[in-house]
Amino acid sequence: CVVEDIPPEELHAKMQDPNFLEEAQLIDVREPDEVDKASLEGFKVLPLRQFGTWGPVMTDEFDPQKDTYVLCHHGMRSMQVAKWLQSQGFRKVYNVAGGIHAYAVKADSSIPTY
């Protein structure tokens, strides 16, 4: 099963719908200092470096049946986590293509780039 990339423009359009923000699971795997520089509303911060802490409780906190979107700076770390989530039984996992950088450039210029 291949993790699907979602273009930043498509995610931005979905995020305008309050129902989407309530129903989707949004995960940002960047480090806290990166999140301080730029972040997206509704994303829960689970830094990849702290994977040992949050990895084991993923299925307690998140529903494998729900759409899950994973974000990082350029799309590499998020892809690692997205593939891992699939291996844990998460069915609908999306990697934000190009990360928050591409989101800022292509979808929402109010988000700072760094």
Protein backbone atom coordinates (compact mmCIF):
# COMPACT_ATOMS: atom_id res chain seq x y z
CA CYS A 1 0.00 0.00 0.00
CA VAL A 2 1.43 3.36 -1.03
CA VAL A 3 1.07 6.49 1.10
CA GLU A 4 -0.79 9.13 -0.87
CA ASP A 5 0.68 12.60 -1.25
CA ILE A 6 -1.83 15.42 -0.90
CA PRO A 7 -0.94 18.68 -2.66
CA PRO A 8 -0.80 21.65 -0.24
CA GLU A 9 -3.47 23.50 -2.24
CA GLU A 10 -5.89 20.60 -1.77
CA LEU A 11 -5.22 20.43 1.97
CA HIS A 12 -5.71 24.19 2.24
CA ALA A 13 -9.11 23.92 0.53
CA LYS A 14 -10.16 21.10 2.87
CA MET A 15 -9.04 23.09 5.93
CA GLN A 16 -11.56 25.83 5.17
CA ASP A 17 -14.29 23.36 6.21
CA PRO A 18 -14.77 23.25 10.02
CA ASN A 19 -16.05 19.65 9.72
CA PHE A 20 -12.74 18.60 8.17
CA LEU A 21 -10.80 20.04 11.12
CA GLU A 22 -13.04 18.12 13.53
CA GLU A 23 -13.02 14.79 11.70
CA ALA A 24 -9.52 14.50 10.24
CA GLN A 25 -6.44 13.62 12.29
CA LEU A 26 -3.72 16.19 11.65
CA ILE A 27 -0.17 15.42 12.80
CA ASP A 28 2.90 17.69 12.60
CA VAL A 29 6.13 15.73 13.16
CA ARG A 30 8.49 18.74 13.24
CA GLU A 31 10.48 19.80 16.31
CA PRO A 32 9.00 22.40 18.72
CA ASP A 33 11.43 25.14 17.60
CA GLU A 34 10.29 24.62 14.00
CA VAL A 35 6.62 24.76 15.02
CA ASP A 36 7.33 28.09 16.76
CA LYS A 37 8.47 29.51 13.40
CA ALA A 38 5.45 28.33 11.39
CA SER A 39 2.45 26.12 12.12
CA LEU A 40 -0.96 25.14 10.79
CA GLU A 41 -4.15 25.32 12.83
CA GLY A 42 -5.49 22.00 14.07
CA PHE A 43 -2.26 20.00 13.77
CA LYS A 44 -1.12 18.06 16.83
CA VAL A 45 2.65 18.30 17.31
CA LEU A 46 4.35 14.91 17.69
CA PRO A 47 8.07 15.53 17.05
CA LEU A 48 9.74 12.67 15.19
CA ARG A 49 12.70 12.89 17.61
CA GLN A 50 10.31 11.94 20.44
CA PHE A 51 8.89 8.99 18.50
CA GLY A 52 9.84 6.60 21.32
CA THR A 53 7.41 8.45 23.60
CA TRP A 54 4.37 8.84 21.35
CA GLY A 55 4.79 5.91 18.94
CA PRO A 56 3.57 3.25 21.40
CA VAL A 57 0.35 5.17 22.25
CA MET A 58 -0.63 6.18 18.69
CA THR A 59 -3.48 3.70 18.43
CA ASP A 60 -4.81 4.83 21.83
CA GLU A 61 -4.92 8.50 20.83
CA PHE A 62 -5.76 8.21 17.13
CA ASP A 63 -8.33 6.18 15.20
CA PRO A 64 -6.80 4.01 12.44
CA GLN A 65 -10.09 4.24 10.49
CA LYS A 66 -10.02 8.05 10.20
CA ASP A 67 -8.27 10.13 7.55
CA THR A 68 -4.83 11.05 8.90
CA TYR A 69 -2.63 13.80 7.46
CA VAL A 70 1.07 14.06 8.31
CA LEU A 71 3.12 17.24 7.92
CA CYS A 72 6.79 18.22 8.31
CA HIS A 73 9.10 20.88 6.80
CA HIS A 74 9.64 19.44 3.31
CA GLY A 75 7.75 16.11 3.31
CA MET A 76 10.52 13.62 4.17
CA ARG A 77 10.02 13.04 7.91
CA SER A 78 6.24 13.04 7.44
CA MET A 79 6.55 10.32 4.79
CA GLN A 80 8.51 8.13 7.24
CA VAL A 81 5.78 8.55 9.85
CA ALA A 82 2.99 8.08 7.30
CA LYS A 83 4.50 4.76 6.18
CA TRP A 84 4.86 3.68 9.81
CA LEU A 85 1.21 4.60 10.50
CA GLN A 86 0.15 2.41 7.57
CA SER A 87 2.17 -0.46 9.02
CA GLN A 88 0.21 0.03 12.27
CA GLY A 89 -3.12 -0.43 10.47
CA PHE A 90 -4.00 3.17 9.65
CA ARG A 91 -5.96 2.92 6.41
CA LYS A 92 -6.18 6.46 5.04
CA VAL A 93 -2.84 8.20 5.53
CA TYR A 94 -1.83 11.27 3.53
CA ASN A 95 1.58 12.93 3.37
CA VAL A 96 1.47 16.70 2.82
CA ALA A 97 3.57 17.01 -0.35
CA GLY A 98 6.49 19.40 0.11
CA GLY A 99 5.61 19.97 3.77
CA ILE A 100 4.77 23.27 5.42
CA HIS A 101 7.27 25.02 3.14
CA ALA A 102 5.27 24.09 0.03
CA TYR A 103 2.04 24.90 1.88
CA ALA A 104 3.32 28.42 2.61
CA VAL A 105 4.58 28.96 -0.95
CA LYS A 106 1.69 27.40 -2.88
CA ALA A 107 -1.39 27.62 -0.66
CA ASP A 108 -1.15 30.24 2.10
CA SER A 109 1.40 33.05 1.96
CA SER A 110 0.48 34.14 5.51
CA ILE A 111 2.45 31.11 6.79
CA PRO A 112 6.13 32.07 7.25
CA THR A 113 8.84 30.09 5.45
CA TYR A 114 12.10 29.22 7.18
